[in-house]
C-alpha atoms as a PDB file:
ATOM      1  CA  UNK A   1     -25.779  -7.426 -32.723  1.00  0.00           C
ATOM      2  CA  UNK A   2     -28.566  -9.008 -33.911  1.00  0.00           C
ATOM      3  CA  UNK A   3     -31.047 -11.523 -31.129  1.00  0.00           C
ATOM      4  CA  UNK A   4     -30.149 -14.879 -33.733  1.00  0.00           C
ATOM      5  CA  UNK A   5     -26.403 -14.294 -32.984  1.00  0.00           C
ATOM      6  CA  UNK A   6     -27.072 -13.935 -29.343  1.00  0.00           C
ATOM      7  CA  UNK A   7     -26.059 -17.644 -27.967  1.00  0.00           C
ATOM      8  CA  UNK A   8     -28.827 -19.414 -25.544  1.00  0.00           C
ATOM      9  CA  UNK A   9     -25.797 -19.899 -23.035  1.00  0.00           C
ATOM     10  CA  UNK A  10     -24.833 -17.660 -21.394  1.00  0.00           C
ATOM     11  CA  UNK A  11     -21.527 -15.835 -21.806  1.00  0.00           C
ATOM     12  CA  UNK A  12     -19.251 -14.514 -19.273  1.00  0.00           C
ATOM     13  CA  UNK A  13     -16.784 -11.655 -20.127  1.00  0.00           C
ATOM     14  CA  UNK A  14     -14.054  -9.960 -18.396  1.00  0.00           C
ATOM     15  CA  UNK A  15     -13.984  -6.072 -17.518  1.00  0.00           C
ATOM     16  CA  UNK A  16     -10.527  -4.854 -16.905  1.00  0.00           C
ATOM     17  CA  UNK A  17     -11.286  -1.406 -16.483  1.00  0.00           C
ATOM     18  CA  UNK A  18     -14.536   0.110 -15.520  1.00  0.00           C
ATOM     19  CA  UNK A  19     -13.986   3.814 -14.362  1.00  0.00           C
ATOM     20  CA  UNK A  20     -11.007   6.475 -13.951  1.00  0.00           C
ATOM     21  CA  UNK A  21      -7.876   4.991 -15.703  1.00  0.00           C
ATOM     22  CA  UNK A  22      -4.146   7.106 -15.088  1.00  0.00           C
ATOM     23  CA  UNK A  23      -3.852   7.959 -19.334  1.00  0.00           C
ATOM     24  CA  UNK A  24      -6.609   9.955 -20.781  1.00  0.00           C
ATOM     25  CA  UNK A  25      -9.064   7.558 -22.340  1.00  0.00           C
ATOM     26  CA  UNK A  26      -9.037   7.637 -26.424  1.00  0.00           C
ATOM     27  CA  UNK A  27     -12.945   9.169 -26.710  1.00  0.00           C
ATOM     28  CA  UNK A  28     -14.163   8.748 -30.344  1.00  0.00           C
ATOM     29  CA  UNK A  29     -17.853   9.642 -31.744  1.00  0.00           C
ATOM     30  CA  UNK A  30     -19.684   6.736 -32.816  1.00  0.00           C
ATOM     31  CA  UNK A  31     -23.105   6.570 -34.248  1.00  0.00           C
ATOM     32  CA  UNK A  32     -25.738   4.431 -32.343  1.00  0.00           C
ATOM     33  CA  UNK A  33     -28.936   4.503 -33.813  1.00  0.00           C
ATOM     34  CA  UNK A  34     -27.846   7.006 -35.888  1.00  0.00           C
ATOM     35  CA  UNK A  35     -27.825   9.276 -32.586  1.00  0.00           C
ATOM     36  CA  UNK A  36     -23.840  10.691 -31.867  1.00  0.00           C
ATOM     37  CA  UNK A  37     -22.000   9.403 -28.606  1.00  0.00           C
ATOM     38  CA  UNK A  38     -18.817   9.746 -27.279  1.00  0.00           C
ATOM     39  CA  UNK A  39     -17.206   6.228 -26.538  1.00  0.00           C
ATOM     40  CA  UNK A  40     -13.959   5.370 -25.142  1.00  0.00           C
ATOM     41  CA  UNK A  41     -12.186   3.045 -26.782  1.00  0.00           C
ATOM     42  CA  UNK A  42     -10.693  -0.472 -26.004  1.00  0.00           C
ATOM     43  CA  UNK A  43      -9.467  -3.086 -27.851  1.00  0.00           C
ATOM     44  CA  UNK A  44      -9.420  -5.627 -25.622  1.00  0.00           C
ATOM     45  CA  UNK A  45     -13.007  -5.251 -24.849  1.00  0.00           C
ATOM     46  CA  UNK A  46     -15.328  -8.425 -25.323  1.00  0.00           C
ATOM     47  CA  UNK A  47     -18.537  -6.311 -25.626  1.00  0.00           C
ATOM     48  CA  UNK A  48     -19.526  -2.817 -26.285  1.00  0.00           C
ATOM     49  CA  UNK A  49     -21.339  -1.462 -22.654  1.00  0.00           C
ATOM     50  CA  UNK A  50     -23.325   2.071 -21.831  1.00  0.00           C
ATOM     51  CA  UNK A  51     -24.738   3.226 -18.676  1.00  0.00           C
ATOM     52  CA  UNK A  52     -28.885   3.050 -17.672  1.00  0.00           C
ATOM     53  CA  UNK A  53     -28.741   6.775 -18.245  1.00  0.00           C
ATOM     54  CA  UNK A  54     -27.522   7.191 -21.726  1.00  0.00           C
ATOM     55  CA  UNK A  55     -29.396   3.787 -23.097  1.00  0.00           C
ATOM     56  CA  UNK A  56     -32.685   6.099 -20.791  1.00  0.00           C
ATOM     57  CA  UNK A  57     -31.902   9.128 -23.341  1.00  0.00           C
ATOM     58  CA  UNK A  58     -31.699   6.975 -26.161  1.00  0.00           C
ATOM     59  CA  UNK A  59     -35.052   5.504 -25.605  1.00  0.00           C
ATOM     60  CA  UNK A  60     -37.010   8.496 -25.402  1.00  0.00           C
ATOM     61  CA  UNK A  61     -35.496   8.854 -29.655  1.00  0.00           C
ATOM     62  CA  UNK A  62     -36.128   5.485 -30.259  1.00  0.00           C
ATOM     63  CA  UNK A  63     -38.983   3.883 -28.245  1.00  0.00           C
ATOM     64  CA  UNK A  64     -38.306   0.746 -30.093  1.00  0.00           C
ATOM     65  CA  UNK A  65     -34.944   0.225 -28.575  1.00  0.00           C
ATOM     66  CA  UNK A  66     -36.079  -2.267 -26.193  1.00  0.00           C
ATOM     67  CA  UNK A  67     -34.291  -3.598 -23.525  1.00  0.00           C
ATOM     68  CA  UNK A  68     -34.277  -7.462 -23.186  1.00  0.00           C
ATOM     69  CA  UNK A  69     -32.787  -9.973 -20.948  1.00  0.00           C
ATOM     70  CA  UNK A  70     -29.321 -10.771 -21.473  1.00  0.00           C
ATOM     71  CA  UNK A  71     -27.046 -13.596 -20.516  1.00  0.00           C
ATOM     72  CA  UNK A  72     -24.183 -12.079 -20.231  1.00  0.00           C
ATOM     73  CA  UNK A  73     -21.980 -12.480 -17.306  1.00  0.00           C
ATOM     74  CA  UNK A  74     -19.539  -9.072 -16.418  1.00  0.00           C
ATOM     75  CA  UNK A  75     -16.499  -9.875 -14.088  1.00  0.00           C
ATOM     76  CA  UNK A  76     -13.731  -7.297 -12.665  1.00  0.00           C
ATOM     77  CA  UNK A  77     -10.201  -8.592 -13.217  1.00  0.00           C
ATOM     78  CA  UNK A  78     -10.978  -9.323  -9.186  1.00  0.00           C
ATOM     79  CA  UNK A  79     -13.370 -11.614  -9.780  1.00  0.00           C
ATOM     80  CA  UNK A  80     -16.807  -9.354  -8.766  1.00  0.00           C
ATOM     81  CA  UNK A  81     -19.611  -9.603 -10.844  1.00  0.00           C
ATOM     82  CA  UNK A  82     -21.246  -6.056 -12.594  1.00  0.00           C
ATOM     83  CA  UNK A  83     -24.738  -6.370 -12.624  1.00  0.00           C
ATOM     84  CA  UNK A  84     -26.420  -6.556 -16.338  1.00  0.00           C
ATOM     85  CA  UNK A  85     -29.789  -4.928 -16.822  1.00  0.00           C
ATOM     86  CA  UNK A  86     -30.233  -6.056 -20.219  1.00  0.00           C
ATOM     87  CA  UNK A  87     -28.995  -6.368 -24.243  1.00  0.00           C
ATOM     88  CA  UNK A  88     -30.302  -3.927 -26.710  1.00  0.00           C
ATOM     89  CA  UNK A  89     -30.222  -4.642 -30.730  1.00  0.00           C
ATOM     90  CA  UNK A  90     -29.029  -1.518 -32.573  1.00  0.00           C
ATOM     91  CA  UNK A  91     -26.829  -0.043 -35.058  1.00  0.00           C
ATOM     92  CA  UNK A  92     -23.278   0.711 -34.582  1.00  0.00           C
ATOM     93  CA  UNK A  93     -21.219   3.150 -37.060  1.00  0.00           C
ATOM     94  CA  UNK A  94     -17.743   4.394 -36.576  1.00  0.00           C
ATOM     95  CA  UNK A  95     -17.334   6.052 -39.817  1.00  0.00           C
ATOM     96  CA  UNK A  96     -17.165   4.076 -42.404  1.00  0.00           C
ATOM     97  CA  UNK A  97     -17.796   0.667 -40.464  1.00  0.00           C
ATOM     98  CA  UNK A  98     -20.497  -0.859 -39.339  1.00  0.00           C
ATOM     99  CA  UNK A  99     -20.428  -2.991 -36.375  1.00  0.00           C
ATOM    100  CA  UNK A 100     -17.739  -5.765 -35.209  1.00  0.00           C
ATOM    101  CA  UNK A 101     -16.424  -8.492 -36.978  1.00  0.00           C
ATOM    102  CA  UNK A 102     -16.813 -10.628 -33.799  1.00  0.00           C
ATOM    103  CA  UNK A 103     -14.371 -13.869 -34.679  1.00  0.00           C
ATOM    104  CA  UNK A 104     -11.429 -11.353 -35.311  1.00  0.00           C
ATOM    105  CA  UNK A 105     -11.553  -9.926 -31.702  1.00  0.00           C
ATOM    106  CA  UNK A 106      -8.873 -11.493 -29.661  1.00  0.00           C
ATOM    107  CA  UNK A 107     -10.474 -11.048 -26.293  1.00  0.00           C
ATOM    108  CA  UNK A 108     -13.924 -12.220 -27.931  1.00  0.00           C
ATOM    109  CA  UNK A 109     -11.677 -15.825 -28.942  1.00  0.00           C
ATOM    110  CA  UNK A 110     -10.150 -15.722 -25.134  1.00  0.00           C
ATOM    111  CA  UNK A 111     -13.430 -15.746 -23.503  1.00  0.00           C
ATOM    112  CA  UNK A 112     -15.077 -18.602 -25.900  1.00  0.00           C
ATOM    113  CA  UNK A 113     -11.823 -20.694 -25.077  1.00  0.00           C
ATOM    114  CA  UNK A 114     -12.747 -19.513 -21.118  1.00  0.00           C
ATOM    115  CA  UNK A 115     -16.077 -20.291 -21.691  1.00  0.00           C
ATOM    116  CA  UNK A 116     -15.967 -23.608 -23.206  1.00  0.00           C
ATOM    117  CA  UNK A 117     -13.363 -24.603 -20.773  1.00  0.00           C
ATOM    118  CA  UNK A 118     -14.861 -23.571 -17.287  1.00  0.00           C
ATOM    119  CA  UNK A 119     -14.824 -26.571 -15.576  1.00  0.00           C
ATOM    120  CA  UNK A 120     -10.891 -25.576 -15.117  1.00  0.00           C
ATOM    121  CA  UNK A 121     -11.940 -22.277 -13.342  1.00  0.00           C
ATOM    122  CA  UNK A 122     -14.084 -24.183 -10.434  1.00  0.00           C
ATOM    123  CA  UNK A 123     -13.685 -23.555  -7.207  1.00  0.00           C
ATOM    124  CA  UNK A 124     -13.409 -26.807  -5.617  1.00  0.00           C
ATOM    125  CA  UNK A 125     -10.068 -28.712  -5.736  1.00  0.00           C
ATOM    126  CA  UNK A 126      -9.366 -30.578  -9.030  1.00  0.00           C
ATOM    127  CA  UNK A 127      -7.869 -34.375  -8.977  1.00  0.00           C
ATOM    128  CA  UNK A 128      -5.220 -35.257 -11.046  1.00  0.00           C
ATOM    129  CA  UNK A 129      -6.317 -37.757 -13.235  1.00  0.00           C
ATOM    130  CA  UNK A 130      -3.632 -38.881 -15.543  1.00  0.00           C
ATOM    131  CA  UNK A 131      -0.577 -41.350 -14.681  1.00  0.00           C
ATOM    132  CA  UNK A 132       0.260 -42.321 -11.324  1.00  0.00           C
ATOM    133  CA  UNK A 133       3.574 -40.744 -11.107  1.00  0.00           C
ATOM    134  CA  UNK A 134       6.694 -41.700  -8.852  1.00  0.00           C
ATOM    135  CA  UNK A 135       9.490 -40.105  -7.400  1.00  0.00           C
ATOM    136  CA  UNK A 136      13.207 -41.709  -7.478  1.00  0.00           C
ATOM    137  CA  UNK A 137      16.181 -41.148  -5.838  1.00  0.00           C
ATOM    138  CA  UNK A 138      19.131 -42.641  -5.864  1.00  0.00           C
ATOM    139  CA  UNK A 139      19.761 -45.513  -4.079  1.00  0.00           C
ATOM    140  CA  UNK A 140      22.675 -44.440  -1.689  1.00  0.00           C
ATOM    141  CA  UNK A 141      20.073 -41.406  -0.312  1.00  0.00           C
ATOM    142  CA  UNK A 142      19.622 -40.978   3.229  1.00  0.00           C
ATOM    143  CA  UNK A 143      16.177 -39.958   4.250  1.00  0.00           C
ATOM    144  CA  UNK A 144      15.617 -36.908   5.035  1.00  0.00           C
ATOM    145  CA  UNK A 145      13.107 -36.088   8.158  1.00  0.00           C
ATOM    146  CA  UNK A 146      12.286 -32.586   9.159  1.00  0.00           C
ATOM    147  CA  UNK A 147      10.807 -31.369  12.465  1.00  0.00           C
ATOM    148  CA  UNK A 148       7.193 -29.647  12.643  1.00  0.00           C
ATOM    149  CA  UNK A 149       8.224 -25.776  12.358  1.00  0.00           C
ATOM    150  CA  UNK A 150       6.101 -23.827  15.892  1.00  0.00           C
ATOM    151  CA  UNK A 151       2.955 -22.492  14.258  1.00  0.00           C
ATOM    152  CA  UNK A 152       1.622 -19.531  16.167  1.00  0.00           C
ATOM    153  CA  UNK A 153      -1.058 -19.942  18.905  1.00  0.00           C
ATOM    154  CA  UNK A 154      -3.111 -17.338  16.751  1.00  0.00           C
ATOM    155  CA  UNK A 155      -3.053 -19.560  13.678  1.00  0.00           C
ATOM    156  CA  UNK A 156      -2.910 -23.132  15.333  1.00  0.00           C
ATOM    157  CA  UNK A 157      -7.170 -23.325  14.651  1.00  0.00           C
ATOM    158  CA  UNK A 158      -6.832 -22.340  11.325  1.00  0.00           C
ATOM    159  CA  UNK A 159      -4.266 -24.544  10.185  1.00  0.00           C
ATOM    160  CA  UNK A 160      -5.617 -27.941  12.023  1.00  0.00           C
ATOM    161  CA  UNK A 161      -8.995 -26.795  10.732  1.00  0.00           C
ATOM    162  CA  UNK A 162      -7.209 -26.078   6.798  1.00  0.00           C
ATOM    163  CA  UNK A 163      -5.827 -29.844   6.805  1.00  0.00           C
ATOM    164  CA  UNK A 164      -8.615 -31.619   8.078  1.00  0.00           C
ATOM    165  CA  UNK A 165     -10.282 -29.804   4.591  1.00  0.00           C
ATOM    166  CA  UNK A 166      -7.203 -30.989   2.734  1.00  0.00           C
ATOM    167  CA  UNK A 167      -7.799 -34.333   3.805  1.00  0.00           C
ATOM    168  CA  UNK A 168     -11.791 -34.713   3.399  1.00  0.00           C
ATOM    169  CA  UNK A 169     -11.128 -33.377  -0.466  1.00  0.00           C
ATOM    170  CA  UNK A 170      -8.456 -36.083  -0.691  1.00  0.00           C
ATOM    171  CA  UNK A 171      -6.123 -33.904  -1.142  1.00  0.00           C
ATOM    172  CA  UNK A 172      -3.437 -35.440   2.230  1.00  0.00           C
ATOM    173  CA  UNK A 173      -3.742 -38.807   4.293  1.00  0.00           C
ATOM    174  CA  UNK A 174      -2.725 -38.924   7.436  1.00  0.00           C
ATOM    175  CA  UNK A 175       0.478 -42.017   7.917  1.00  0.00           C
ATOM    176  CA  UNK A 176       1.590 -43.712  11.196  1.00  0.00           C
ATOM    177  CA  UNK A 177       5.217 -43.346  10.122  1.00  0.00           C
ATOM    178  CA  UNK A 178       7.584 -41.210   7.482  1.00  0.00           C
ATOM    179  CA  UNK A 179      11.236 -41.780   6.736  1.00  0.00           C
ATOM    180  CA  UNK A 180      10.737 -38.736   4.749  1.00  0.00           C
ATOM    181  CA  UNK A 181       8.982 -35.215   5.872  1.00  0.00           C
ATOM    182  CA  UNK A 182       9.479 -31.448   5.478  1.00  0.00           C
ATOM    183  CA  UNK A 183       7.713 -28.412   7.507  1.00  0.00           C
ATOM    184  CA  UNK A 184       4.660 -26.754   5.975  1.00  0.00           C
ATOM    185  CA  UNK A 185       4.500 -23.152   5.656  1.00  0.00           C
ATOM    186  CA  UNK A 186       1.536 -21.381   6.537  1.00  0.00           C
ATOM    187  CA  UNK A 187       0.291 -18.270   4.731  1.00  0.00           C
ATOM    188  CA  UNK A 188      -2.019 -15.914   5.416  1.00  0.00           C
ATOM    189  CA  UNK A 189      -4.529 -15.365   2.576  1.00  0.00           C
ATOM    190  CA  UNK A 190      -6.244 -11.415   1.663  1.00  0.00           C
ATOM    191  CA  UNK A 191      -9.615 -12.813   2.810  1.00  0.00           C
ATOM    192  CA  UNK A 192      -7.903 -14.211   6.425  1.00  0.00           C
ATOM    193  CA  UNK A 193      -7.816 -17.930   5.467  1.00  0.00           C
ATOM    194  CA  UNK A 194      -4.667 -19.857   5.599  1.00  0.00           C
ATOM    195  CA  UNK A 195      -2.927 -21.738   2.547  1.00  0.00           C
ATOM    196  CA  UNK A 196      -1.166 -24.801   3.233  1.00  0.00           C
ATOM    197  CA  UNK A 197       2.205 -23.487   1.329  1.00  0.00           C
ATOM    198  CA  UNK A 198       3.487 -25.469  -1.655  1.00  0.00           C
ATOM    199  CA  UNK A 199       5.639 -24.127  -4.430  1.00  0.00           C
ATOM    200  CA  UNK A 200       4.093 -23.984  -7.966  1.00  0.00           C
ATOM    201  CA  UNK A 201       5.351 -22.902 -10.796  1.00  0.00           C
ATOM    202  CA  UNK A 202       3.740 -20.904 -12.843  1.00  0.00           C
ATOM    203  CA  UNK A 203       2.127 -21.334 -16.521  1.00  0.00           C
ATOM    204  CA  UNK A 204       3.870 -19.180 -19.051  1.00  0.00           C
ATOM    205  CA  UNK A 205       1.641 -19.288 -22.879  1.00  0.00           C
ATOM    206  CA  UNK A 206       3.166 -17.465 -25.374  1.00  0.00           C
ATOM    207  CA  UNK A 207       3.103 -17.739 -29.112  1.00  0.00           C
ATOM    208  CA  UNK A 208       4.615 -15.703 -32.234  1.00  0.00           C
ATOM    209  CA  UNK A 209       1.560 -13.861 -32.727  1.00  0.00           C
ATOM    210  CA  UNK A 210      -2.269 -13.456 -31.251  1.00  0.00           C
ATOM    211  CA  UNK A 211      -3.262 -16.720 -33.395  1.00  0.00           C
ATOM    212  CA  UNK A 212      -0.542 -18.713 -32.176  1.00  0.00           C
ATOM    213  CA  UNK A 213      -0.741 -17.354 -28.432  1.00  0.00           C
ATOM    214  CA  UNK A 214      -4.210 -18.163 -28.441  1.00  0.00           C
ATOM    215  CA  UNK A 215      -4.379 -21.841 -30.131  1.00  0.00           C
ATOM    216  CA  UNK A 216      -1.584 -22.286 -27.148  1.00  0.00           C
ATOM    217  CA  UNK A 217      -3.640 -21.336 -24.661  1.00  0.00           C
ATOM    218  CA  UNK A 218      -6.203 -23.841 -25.588  1.00  0.00           C
ATOM    219  CA  UNK A 219      -3.723 -26.829 -25.849  1.00  0.00           C
ATOM    220  CA  UNK A 220      -2.872 -25.588 -22.478  1.00  0.00           C
ATOM    221  CA  UNK A 221      -6.396 -25.849 -20.944  1.00  0.00           C
ATOM    222  CA  UNK A 222      -7.277 -28.861 -22.792  1.00  0.00           C
ATOM    223  CA  UNK A 223      -4.731 -30.877 -21.140  1.00  0.00           C
ATOM    224  CA  UNK A 224      -5.598 -28.958 -17.823  1.00  0.00           C
ATOM    225  CA  UNK A 225      -9.246 -30.297 -18.280  1.00  0.00           C
ATOM    226  CA  UNK A 226      -7.975 -33.733 -19.291  1.00  0.00           C
ATOM    227  CA  UNK A 227      -6.482 -34.011 -16.581  1.00  0.00           C
ATOM    228  CA  UNK A 228      -8.801 -32.851 -14.157  1.00  0.00           C
ATOM    229  CA  UNK A 229      -6.646 -29.644 -13.197  1.00  0.00           C
ATOM    230  CA  UNK A 230      -7.606 -26.125 -11.690  1.00  0.00           C
ATOM    231  CA  UNK A 231      -6.819 -22.732 -12.101  1.00  0.00           C
ATOM    232  CA  UNK A 232      -8.268 -19.915 -10.077  1.00  0.00           C
ATOM    233  CA  UNK A 233      -9.567 -17.546 -12.507  1.00  0.00           C
ATOM    234  CA  UNK A 234      -8.484 -13.947 -10.375  1.00  0.00           C
ATOM    235  CA  UNK A 235      -5.360 -15.128 -10.342  1.00  0.00           C
ATOM    236  CA  UNK A 236      -4.408 -15.575 -13.955  1.00  0.00           C
ATOM    237  CA  UNK A 237      -3.513 -13.093 -17.085  1.00  0.00           C
ATOM    238  CA  UNK A 238      -4.466 -13.872 -20.366  1.00  0.00           C
ATOM    239  CA  UNK A 239      -2.904 -12.153 -23.525  1.00  0.00           C
ATOM    240  CA  UNK A 240      -0.737  -9.180 -21.686  1.00  0.00           C
ATOM    241  CA  UNK A 241       2.118  -8.085 -22.867  1.00  0.00           C
ATOM    242  CA  UNK A 242       4.801  -8.818 -20.487  1.00  0.00           C
ATOM    243  CA  UNK A 243       4.756 -11.135 -17.075  1.00  0.00           C
ATOM    244  CA  UNK A 244       6.672 -11.024 -14.005  1.00  0.00           C
ATOM    245  CA  UNK A 245       8.070 -14.411 -13.282  1.00  0.00           C
ATOM    246  CA  UNK A 246      10.544 -15.556 -10.599  1.00  0.00           C
ATOM    247  CA  UNK A 247      11.876 -12.021 -10.116  1.00  0.00           C
ATOM    248  CA  UNK A 248      12.352 -11.325 -13.660  1.00  0.00           C
ATOM    249  CA  UNK A 249      10.300  -9.561 -16.139  1.00  0.00           C
ATOM    250  CA  UNK A 250       9.439 -11.324 -19.438  1.00  0.00           C
ATOM    251  CA  UNK A 251       8.596  -9.668 -22.454  1.00  0.00           C
ATOM    252  CA  UNK A 252       9.165  -9.931 -26.641  1.00  0.00           C
ATOM    253  CA  UNK A 253      12.270  -8.475 -25.779  1.00  0.00           C
ATOM    254  CA  UNK A 254      13.011 -11.244 -23.640  1.00  0.00           C
ATOM    255  CA  UNK A 255      14.192 -11.617 -20.363  1.00  0.00           C
ATOM    256  CA  UNK A 256      15.012  -8.315 -18.073  1.00  0.00           C
ATOM    257  CA  UNK A 257      16.072  -7.620 -14.605  1.00  0.00           C
ATOM    258  CA  UNK A 258      13.256  -6.269 -12.688  1.00  0.00           C
ATOM    259  CA  UNK A 259      14.405  -2.159 -11.065  1.00  0.00           C
ATOM    260  CA  UNK A 260      12.915  -2.699  -7.857  1.00  0.00           C
ATOM    261  CA  UNK A 261      15.412  -6.424  -7.673  1.00  0.00           C
ATOM    262  CA  UNK A 262      18.560  -4.096  -9.004  1.00  0.00           C
ATOM    263  CA  UNK A 263      17.749  -1.122  -6.480  1.00  0.00           C
ATOM    264  CA  UNK A 264      17.582  -3.773  -3.449  1.00  0.00           C
ATOM    265  CA  UNK A 265      21.273  -4.542  -4.120  1.00  0.00           C
ATOM    266  CA  UNK A 266      22.782  -1.126  -5.090  1.00  0.00           C
ATOM    267  CA  UNK A 267      21.066   0.673  -2.315  1.00  0.00           C
ATOM    268  CA  UNK A 268      21.726  -2.085   0.370  1.00  0.00           C
ATOM    269  CA  UNK A 269      23.715  -1.508   3.528  1.00  0.00           C
ATOM    270  CA  UNK A 270      26.704  -3.676   4.168  1.00  0.00           C
ATOM    271  CA  UNK A 271      26.405  -7.224   5.328  1.00  0.00           C
ATOM    272  CA  UNK A 272      26.943  -6.674   9.171  1.00  0.00           C
ATOM    273  CA  UNK A 273      27.454 -10.645   9.970  1.00  0.00           C
ATOM    274  CA  UNK A 274      27.941 -14.036   7.960  1.00  0.00           C
ATOM    275  CA  UNK A 275      23.784 -14.330   7.790  1.00  0.00           C
ATOM    276  CA  UNK A 276      23.623 -10.720   6.314  1.00  0.00           C
ATOM    277  CA  UNK A 277      26.403 -11.777   3.821  1.00  0.00           C
ATOM    278  CA  UNK A 278      25.478 -14.963   3.166  1.00  0.00           C
ATOM    279  CA  UNK A 279      21.735 -13.250   2.225  1.00  0.00           C
ATOM    280  CA  UNK A 280      23.485 -10.696  -0.004  1.00  0.00           C
ATOM    281  CA  UNK A 281      25.254 -12.829  -2.000  1.00  0.00           C
ATOM    282  CA  UNK A 282      22.430 -14.933  -2.916  1.00  0.00           C
ATOM    283  CA  UNK A 283      20.614 -11.994  -4.161  1.00  0.00           C
ATOM    284  CA  UNK A 284      24.051 -11.192  -6.661  1.00  0.00           C
ATOM    285  CA  UNK A 285      24.266 -14.708  -7.619  1.00  0.00           C
ATOM    286  CA  UNK A 286      20.814 -14.792  -9.029  1.00  0.00           C
ATOM    287  CA  UNK A 287      20.816 -10.990 -10.584  1.00  0.00           C
ATOM    288  CA  UNK A 288      24.520 -11.561 -11.739  1.00  0.00           C
ATOM    289  CA  UNK A 289      24.080 -12.071 -15.482  1.00  0.00           C
ATOM    290  CA  UNK A 290      22.476  -8.530 -14.978  1.00  0.00           C
ATOM    291  CA  UNK A 291      25.296  -6.783 -13.348  1.00  0.00           C
ATOM    292  CA  UNK A 292      28.097  -5.700 -15.201  1.00  0.00           C
ATOM    293  CA  UNK A 293      31.931  -5.912 -13.848  1.00  0.00           C
ATOM    294  CA  UNK A 294      30.828  -8.321 -11.058  1.00  0.00           C
END
């Protein structure tokens, strides 16, 4: 990579495999500064990296390989940042191919999109800036007011603090009286903080090929950006071959059952009361199209 190809602004790339993998890595011989190095092939990688020891050995043979400041940021799948010591300008050759046509790399295109719409992934809460919405109900509908569910004493303080935070952010506001009400569900997150649970379906983006997929992804990110909405980056998966969605697996072959869900039905013990029968029937009804002779 030449210096004039390096943009002045920060680049943020994802690293989804940095360490031991279960499958044997695919390793090839690559000429870097005319020195043969064994490198692992990863077609989804946004950048090529080497460790400090390898760079030190190369520099002993090629003193002109000066380490320069890099504005590239590397993030793992879990959002942890990997320290980048710098970057070097060097020649890279594999068989008859030299360098990398960056624009043809889908992973690079996706990372450029994430950079372009970086405000969508900001940590602060987004504010919907689209048109006002209204929920229509039937004229003869009767308001339903559900009583609050008890919150355990251990979580009560955290729940109150989270409600205060949501109020300060403008996400909720107190009302004196309400005809309609539903109880909240408090979820303890991995970091021990509290999430006031609200079901929002995932956003699925697909395409008949990679180019269409990237184009559709940009359209979704643009709409989210235009309307002030936010995504949590560590919960996103980009350009994957399949996803688990609402208890089913979706890939190029269509919708398929998840085997663990099937086993939960086939291996379940006989229900002993009305509640267990209802629970079992719920599982069967949801998966009935995958169960023959039902």
